[in-house]
Amino acid sequence: MDHKEFFLKHWQKEAPATRKVIGRIPEDRSDYRADPKARSAREIAWLMVHEESALVEGLERGTFEWIELPVPAAVSEIVARYDRQHDD
């Protein structure tokens, strides 16, 4: 198994767990913060999804660039984005 096969195997294996975690954040509690200085649950979910997208784009281009994007208003939007981008 080469590095690419190894990566893709684990990429696919972890996707359902990641989606499950993000999808289980209750909409009415998505602004929960474990600490007043911490990101909210929705912000953390968005960070996970956005980081994955940035990783893929960086691997394809051979260079990484972080562009801060606004956090979607609903967890359902984050889950939908994850579903679209992960399979692509």
Foldseek 3Di string as FASTA:
>chain_A
DDPVVVVVVVLVVCLVVLLVQLVPQDFVQQCDDPDPPGGGNQVVLLVVQQVVVQVVVCVVVVHGDDDDDDGDNGSVVSSVSSVVPSVD
